[in-house]
Amino acid sequence: MFAWAPLPDHMAHMGALEFSKALLQEAQVAVSPGVGFGEYGEGFVRLALVENEHRIRQAVRQLERATK
């Protein structure tokens, strides 16, 4: 139901919270910053896989564009 993903190397300097905000703004995809789940979550985001397959594929495309 959830997947943890590391921040891309070239964007890791942003930290999980700022990276999550940027994804919402630029990709229109909401993720949870890992730091919200404890100190070891920094550098990761949590993705909820609760949408249908079409919407998940759309979100992945938008994430790919925003993180290049």
PDB file of N, CA and C in Angstrom:
ATOM      1  N   MET A   1       0.813  -1.181   0.000  1.00  0.00           N
ATOM      2  CA  MET A   1       0.000   0.000   0.000  1.00  0.00           C
ATOM      3  C   MET A   1       0.872   1.268   0.000  1.00  0.00           C
ATOM      4  N   PHE A   2       2.052   1.190   0.603  1.00  0.00           N
ATOM      5  CA  PHE A   2       2.976   2.324   0.627  1.00  0.00           C
ATOM      6  C   PHE A   2       4.321   1.899   0.084  1.00  0.00           C
ATOM      7  N   ALA A   3       5.025   2.852  -0.494  1.00  0.00           N
ATOM      8  CA  ALA A   3       6.385   2.607  -0.970  1.00  0.00           C
ATOM      9  C   ALA A   3       7.267   3.737  -0.454  1.00  0.00           C
ATOM     10  N   TRP A   4       8.458   3.393  -0.024  1.00  0.00           N
ATOM     11  CA  TRP A   4       9.450   4.379   0.394  1.00  0.00           C
ATOM     12  C   TRP A   4      10.416   4.571  -0.750  1.00  0.00           C
ATOM     13  N   ALA A   5      10.731   5.809  -1.050  1.00  0.00           N
ATOM     14  CA  ALA A   5      11.660   6.101  -2.145  1.00  0.00           C
ATOM     15  C   ALA A   5      12.692   7.120  -1.664  1.00  0.00           C
ATOM     16  N   PRO A   6      13.949   6.893  -2.011  1.00  0.00           N
ATOM     17  CA  PRO A   6      14.968   7.882  -1.657  1.00  0.00           C
ATOM     18  C   PRO A   6      14.854   9.104  -2.558  1.00  0.00           C
ATOM     19  N   LEU A   7      15.259  10.241  -2.045  1.00  0.00           N
ATOM     20  CA  LEU A   7      15.312  11.448  -2.869  1.00  0.00           C
ATOM     21  C   LEU A   7      16.370  11.248  -3.946  1.00  0.00           C
ATOM     22  N   PRO A   8      16.152  11.762  -5.142  1.00  0.00           N
ATOM     23  CA  PRO A   8      17.185  11.665  -6.177  1.00  0.00           C
ATOM     24  C   PRO A   8      18.470  12.332  -5.666  1.00  0.00           C
ATOM     25  N   ASP A   9      19.605  11.755  -6.023  1.00  0.00           N
ATOM     26  CA  ASP A   9      20.886  12.279  -5.548  1.00  0.00           C
ATOM     27  C   ASP A   9      21.035  13.772  -5.798  1.00  0.00           C
ATOM     28  N   HIS A  10      20.649  14.208  -6.986  1.00  0.00           N
ATOM     29  CA  HIS A  10      20.840  15.619  -7.326  1.00  0.00           C
ATOM     30  C   HIS A  10      19.852  16.558  -6.638  1.00  0.00           C
ATOM     31  N   MET A  11      18.913  15.994  -5.886  1.00  0.00           N
ATOM     32  CA  MET A  11      17.936  16.819  -5.167  1.00  0.00           C
ATOM     33  C   MET A  11      17.968  16.553  -3.661  1.00  0.00           C
ATOM     34  N   ALA A  12      18.848  15.678  -3.217  1.00  0.00           N
ATOM     35  CA  ALA A  12      18.903  15.296  -1.808  1.00  0.00           C
ATOM     36  C   ALA A  12      19.215  16.475  -0.893  1.00  0.00           C
ATOM     37  N   HIS A  13      19.918  17.472  -1.406  1.00  0.00           N
ATOM     38  CA  HIS A  13      20.263  18.644  -0.599  1.00  0.00           C
ATOM     39  C   HIS A  13      19.026  19.403  -0.109  1.00  0.00           C
ATOM     40  N   MET A  14      17.887  19.191  -0.762  1.00  0.00           N
ATOM     41  CA  MET A  14      16.656  19.889  -0.390  1.00  0.00           C
ATOM     42  C   MET A  14      16.084  19.375   0.926  1.00  0.00           C
ATOM     43  N   GLY A  15      16.338  18.131   1.220  1.00  0.00           N
ATOM     44  CA  GLY A  15      15.701  17.496   2.365  1.00  0.00           C
ATOM     45  C   GLY A  15      14.313  17.014   1.988  1.00  0.00           C
ATOM     46  N   ALA A  16      13.804  16.085   2.762  1.00  0.00           N
ATOM     47  CA  ALA A  16      12.526  15.438   2.446  1.00  0.00           C
ATOM     48  C   ALA A  16      11.343  16.402   2.430  1.00  0.00           C
ATOM     49  N   LEU A  17      11.315  17.336   3.378  1.00  0.00           N
ATOM     50  CA  LEU A  17      10.172  18.252   3.456  1.00  0.00           C
ATOM     51  C   LEU A  17      10.123  19.193   2.254  1.00  0.00           C
ATOM     52  N   GLU A  18      11.231  19.834   1.946  1.00  0.00           N
ATOM     53  CA  GLU A  18      11.256  20.757   0.804  1.00  0.00           C
ATOM     54  C   GLU A  18      11.051  20.011  -0.518  1.00  0.00           C
ATOM     55  N   PHE A  19      11.611  18.819  -0.623  1.00  0.00           N
ATOM     56  CA  PHE A  19      11.423  18.007  -1.823  1.00  0.00           C
ATOM     57  C   PHE A  19       9.941  17.677  -2.005  1.00  0.00           C
ATOM     58  N   SER A  20       9.270  17.316  -0.924  1.00  0.00           N
ATOM     59  CA  SER A  20       7.839  16.988  -0.992  1.00  0.00           C
ATOM     60  C   SER A  20       7.016  18.196  -1.421  1.00  0.00           C
ATOM     61  N   LYS A  21       7.358  19.365  -0.888  1.00  0.00           N
ATOM     62  CA  LYS A  21       6.666  20.592  -1.287  1.00  0.00           C
ATOM     63  C   LYS A  21       6.884  20.882  -2.768  1.00  0.00           C
ATOM     64  N   ALA A  22       8.106  20.675  -3.241  1.00  0.00           N
ATOM     65  CA  ALA A  22       8.419  20.922  -4.648  1.00  0.00           C
ATOM     66  C   ALA A  22       7.637  19.972  -5.554  1.00  0.00           C
ATOM     67  N   LEU A  23       7.502  18.710  -5.150  1.00  0.00           N
ATOM     68  CA  LEU A  23       6.736  17.762  -5.966  1.00  0.00           C
ATOM     69  C   LEU A  23       5.268  18.167  -6.044  1.00  0.00           C
ATOM     70  N   LEU A  24       4.732  18.635  -4.950  1.00  0.00           N
ATOM     71  CA  LEU A  24       3.336  19.070  -4.960  1.00  0.00           C
ATOM     72  C   LEU A  24       3.159  20.252  -5.905  1.00  0.00           C
ATOM     73  N   GLN A  25       4.090  21.186  -5.849  1.00  0.00           N
ATOM     74  CA  GLN A  25       4.022  22.385  -6.681  1.00  0.00           C
ATOM     75  C   GLN A  25       4.275  22.084  -8.157  1.00  0.00           C
ATOM     76  N   GLU A  26       5.332  21.339  -8.450  1.00  0.00           N
ATOM     77  CA  GLU A  26       5.781  21.140  -9.829  1.00  0.00           C
ATOM     78  C   GLU A  26       5.146  19.944 -10.525  1.00  0.00           C
ATOM     79  N   ALA A  27       4.867  18.881  -9.778  1.00  0.00           N
ATOM     80  CA  ALA A  27       4.323  17.665 -10.395  1.00  0.00           C
ATOM     81  C   ALA A  27       2.858  17.440 -10.054  1.00  0.00           C
ATOM     82  N   GLN A  28       2.319  18.247  -9.143  1.00  0.00           N
ATOM     83  CA  GLN A  28       0.957  18.052  -8.649  1.00  0.00           C
ATOM     84  C   GLN A  28       0.751  16.636  -8.102  1.00  0.00           C
ATOM     85  N   VAL A  29       1.799  16.143  -7.416  1.00  0.00           N
ATOM     86  CA  VAL A  29       1.741  14.827  -6.786  1.00  0.00           C
ATOM     87  C   VAL A  29       2.095  15.009  -5.314  1.00  0.00           C
ATOM     88  N   ALA A  30       1.239  14.514  -4.436  1.00  0.00           N
ATOM     89  CA  ALA A  30       1.483  14.620  -3.002  1.00  0.00           C
ATOM     90  C   ALA A  30       2.173  13.358  -2.498  1.00  0.00           C
ATOM     91  N   VAL A  31       3.266  13.556  -1.769  1.00  0.00           N
ATOM     92  CA  VAL A  31       3.981  12.476  -1.102  1.00  0.00           C
ATOM     93  C   VAL A  31       4.191  12.911   0.339  1.00  0.00           C
ATOM     94  N   SER A  32       4.487  11.967   1.201  1.00  0.00           N
ATOM     95  CA  SER A  32       4.767  12.296   2.598  1.00  0.00           C
ATOM     96  C   SER A  32       6.274  12.346   2.806  1.00  0.00           C
ATOM     97  N   PRO A  33       6.785  13.430   3.379  1.00  0.00           N
ATOM     98  CA  PRO A  33       8.217  13.473   3.649  1.00  0.00           C
ATOM     99  C   PRO A  33       8.573  12.453   4.727  1.00  0.00           C
ATOM    100  N   GLY A  34       9.612  11.712   4.472  1.00  0.00           N
ATOM    101  CA  GLY A  34      10.004  10.657   5.405  1.00  0.00           C
ATOM    102  C   GLY A  34      10.335  11.153   6.792  1.00  0.00           C
ATOM    103  N   VAL A  35      10.835  12.379   6.890  1.00  0.00           N
ATOM    104  CA  VAL A  35      11.207  12.928   8.191  1.00  0.00           C
ATOM    105  C   VAL A  35      10.009  13.003   9.124  1.00  0.00           C
ATOM    106  N   GLY A  36       8.824  13.030   8.580  1.00  0.00           N
ATOM    107  CA  GLY A  36       7.615  13.030   9.410  1.00  0.00           C
ATOM    108  C   GLY A  36       7.386  11.718  10.137  1.00  0.00           C
ATOM    109  N   PHE A  37       8.164  10.689   9.781  1.00  0.00           N
ATOM    110  CA  PHE A  37       8.028   9.376  10.409  1.00  0.00           C
ATOM    111  C   PHE A  37       9.210   9.068  11.325  1.00  0.00           C
ATOM    112  N   GLY A  38      10.023  10.079  11.577  1.00  0.00           N
ATOM    113  CA  GLY A  38      11.155   9.900  12.478  1.00  0.00           C
ATOM    114  C   GLY A  38      12.457  10.312  11.825  1.00  0.00           C
ATOM    115  N   GLU A  39      13.492  10.428  12.641  1.00  0.00           N
ATOM    116  CA  GLU A  39      14.775  10.940  12.161  1.00  0.00           C
ATOM    117  C   GLU A  39      15.380  10.105  11.044  1.00  0.00           C
ATOM    118  N   TYR A  40      15.128   8.817  11.006  1.00  0.00           N
ATOM    119  CA  TYR A  40      15.709   7.967   9.960  1.00  0.00           C
ATOM    120  C   TYR A  40      14.962   8.071   8.634  1.00  0.00           C
ATOM    121  N   GLY A  41      13.872   8.806   8.623  1.00  0.00           N
ATOM    122  CA  GLY A  41      13.110   9.000   7.396  1.00  0.00           C
ATOM    123  C   GLY A  41      13.645  10.121   6.520  1.00  0.00           C
ATOM    124  N   GLU A  42      14.552  10.943   7.068  1.00  0.00           N
ATOM    125  CA  GLU A  42      15.131  12.023   6.273  1.00  0.00           C
ATOM    126  C   GLU A  42      15.826  11.427   5.052  1.00  0.00           C
ATOM    127  N   GLY A  43      15.596  12.067   3.904  1.00  0.00           N
ATOM    128  CA  GLY A  43      16.183  11.574   2.656  1.00  0.00           C
ATOM    129  C   GLY A  43      15.267  10.645   1.885  1.00  0.00           C
ATOM    130  N   PHE A  44      14.065  10.433   2.415  1.00  0.00           N
ATOM    131  CA  PHE A  44      13.093   9.549   1.771  1.00  0.00           C
ATOM    132  C   PHE A  44      11.729  10.225   1.713  1.00  0.00           C
ATOM    133  N   VAL A  45      10.893   9.740   0.805  1.00  0.00           N
ATOM    134  CA  VAL A  45       9.482  10.117   0.786  1.00  0.00           C
ATOM    135  C   VAL A  45       8.655   8.835   0.776  1.00  0.00           C
ATOM    136  N   ARG A  46       7.447   8.938   1.261  1.00  0.00           N
ATOM    137  CA  ARG A  46       6.530   7.802   1.264  1.00  0.00           C
ATOM    138  C   ARG A  46       5.434   8.072   0.256  1.00  0.00           C
ATOM    139  N   LEU A  47       5.212   7.113  -0.616  1.00  0.00           N
ATOM    140  CA  LEU A  47       4.179   7.205  -1.644  1.00  0.00           C
ATOM    141  C   LEU A  47       3.057   6.238  -1.288  1.00  0.00           C
ATOM    142  N   ALA A  48       1.841   6.709  -1.361  1.00  0.00           N
ATOM    143  CA  ALA A  48       0.672   5.860  -1.117  1.00  0.00           C
ATOM    144  C   ALA A  48       0.168   5.342  -2.466  1.00  0.00           C
ATOM    145  N   LEU A  49       0.113   4.053  -2.594  1.00  0.00           N
ATOM    146  CA  LEU A  49      -0.323   3.429  -3.854  1.00  0.00           C
ATOM    147  C   LEU A  49      -1.798   3.052  -3.737  1.00  0.00           C
ATOM    148  N   VAL A  50      -2.630   4.069  -3.604  1.00  0.00           N
ATOM    149  CA  VAL A  50      -4.050   3.832  -3.335  1.00  0.00           C
ATOM    150  C   VAL A  50      -4.962   4.211  -4.500  1.00  0.00           C
ATOM    151  N   GLU A  51      -4.391   4.731  -5.548  1.00  0.00           N
ATOM    152  CA  GLU A  51      -5.177   5.097  -6.729  1.00  0.00           C
ATOM    153  C   GLU A  51      -5.225   3.919  -7.706  1.00  0.00           C
ATOM    154  N   ASN A  52      -6.039   4.048  -8.735  1.00  0.00           N
ATOM    155  CA  ASN A  52      -6.081   3.007  -9.748  1.00  0.00           C
ATOM    156  C   ASN A  52      -4.803   3.067 -10.593  1.00  0.00           C
ATOM    157  N   GLU A  53      -4.577   2.045 -11.371  1.00  0.00           N
ATOM    158  CA  GLU A  53      -3.335   1.924 -12.136  1.00  0.00           C
ATOM    159  C   GLU A  53      -3.107   3.108 -13.079  1.00  0.00           C
ATOM    160  N   HIS A  54      -4.152   3.563 -13.719  1.00  0.00           N
ATOM    161  CA  HIS A  54      -4.029   4.701 -14.644  1.00  0.00           C
ATOM    162  C   HIS A  54      -3.498   5.944 -13.918  1.00  0.00           C
ATOM    163  N   ARG A  55      -4.059   6.259 -12.759  1.00  0.00           N
ATOM    164  CA  ARG A  55      -3.642   7.438 -11.996  1.00  0.00           C
ATOM    165  C   ARG A  55      -2.218   7.283 -11.463  1.00  0.00           C
ATOM    166  N   ILE A  56      -1.847   6.081 -11.056  1.00  0.00           N
ATOM    167  CA  ILE A  56      -0.483   5.853 -10.574  1.00  0.00           C
ATOM    168  C   ILE A  56       0.508   6.051 -11.708  1.00  0.00           C
ATOM    169  N   ARG A  57       0.203   5.542 -12.897  1.00  0.00           N
ATOM    170  CA  ARG A  57       1.094   5.737 -14.047  1.00  0.00           C
ATOM    171  C   ARG A  57       1.213   7.220 -14.400  1.00  0.00           C
ATOM    172  N   GLN A  58       0.115   7.933 -14.323  1.00  0.00           N
ATOM    173  CA  GLN A  58       0.123   9.370 -14.589  1.00  0.00           C
ATOM    174  C   GLN A  58       1.015  10.087 -13.567  1.00  0.00           C
ATOM    175  N   ALA A  59       0.890   9.732 -12.313  1.00  0.00           N
ATOM    176  CA  ALA A  59       1.713  10.349 -11.270  1.00  0.00           C
ATOM    177  C   ALA A  59       3.192  10.052 -11.496  1.00  0.00           C
ATOM    178  N   VAL A  60       3.511   8.846 -11.889  1.00  0.00           N
ATOM    179  CA  VAL A  60       4.910   8.484 -12.156  1.00  0.00           C
ATOM    180  C   VAL A  60       5.475   9.335 -13.287  1.00  0.00           C
ATOM    181  N   ARG A  61       4.708   9.524 -14.347  1.00  0.00           N
ATOM    182  CA  ARG A  61       5.170  10.375 -15.461  1.00  0.00           C
ATOM    183  C   ARG A  61       5.435  11.804 -14.980  1.00  0.00           C
ATOM    184  N   GLN A  62       4.527  12.323 -14.171  1.00  0.00           N
ATOM    185  CA  GLN A  62       4.681  13.679 -13.662  1.00  0.00           C
ATOM    186  C   GLN A  62       5.891  13.775 -12.731  1.00  0.00           C
ATOM    187  N   LEU A  63       6.121  12.750 -11.922  1.00  0.00           N
ATOM    188  CA  LEU A  63       7.288  12.731 -11.054  1.00  0.00           C
ATOM    189  C   LEU A  63       8.578  12.671 -11.849  1.00  0.00           C
ATOM    190  N   GLU A  64       8.580  11.875 -12.897  1.00  0.00           N
ATOM    191  CA  GLU A  64       9.781  11.779 -13.748  1.00  0.00           C
ATOM    192  C   GLU A  64      10.130  13.138 -14.342  1.00  0.00           C
ATOM    193  N   ARG A  65       9.123  13.849 -14.829  1.00  0.00           N
ATOM    194  CA  ARG A  65       9.366  15.170 -15.419  1.00  0.00           C
ATOM    195  C   ARG A  65       9.884  16.163 -14.380  1.00  0.00           C
ATOM    196  N   ALA A  66       9.336  16.121 -13.197  1.00  0.00           N
ATOM    197  CA  ALA A  66       9.692  17.106 -12.175  1.00  0.00           C
ATOM    198  C   ALA A  66      11.051  16.854 -11.530  1.00  0.00           C
ATOM    199  N   THR A  67      11.548  15.629 -11.638  1.00  0.00           N
ATOM    200  CA  THR A  67      12.798  15.304 -10.946  1.00  0.00           C
ATOM    201  C   THR A  67      13.993  15.189 -11.884  1.00  0.00           C
ATOM    202  N   LYS A  68      13.833  15.556 -13.127  1.00  0.00           N
ATOM    203  CA  LYS A  68      14.967  15.479 -14.063  1.00  0.00           C
ATOM    204  C   LYS A  68      15.934  16.593 -13.831  1.00  0.00           C
TER     205      LYS A  68
END
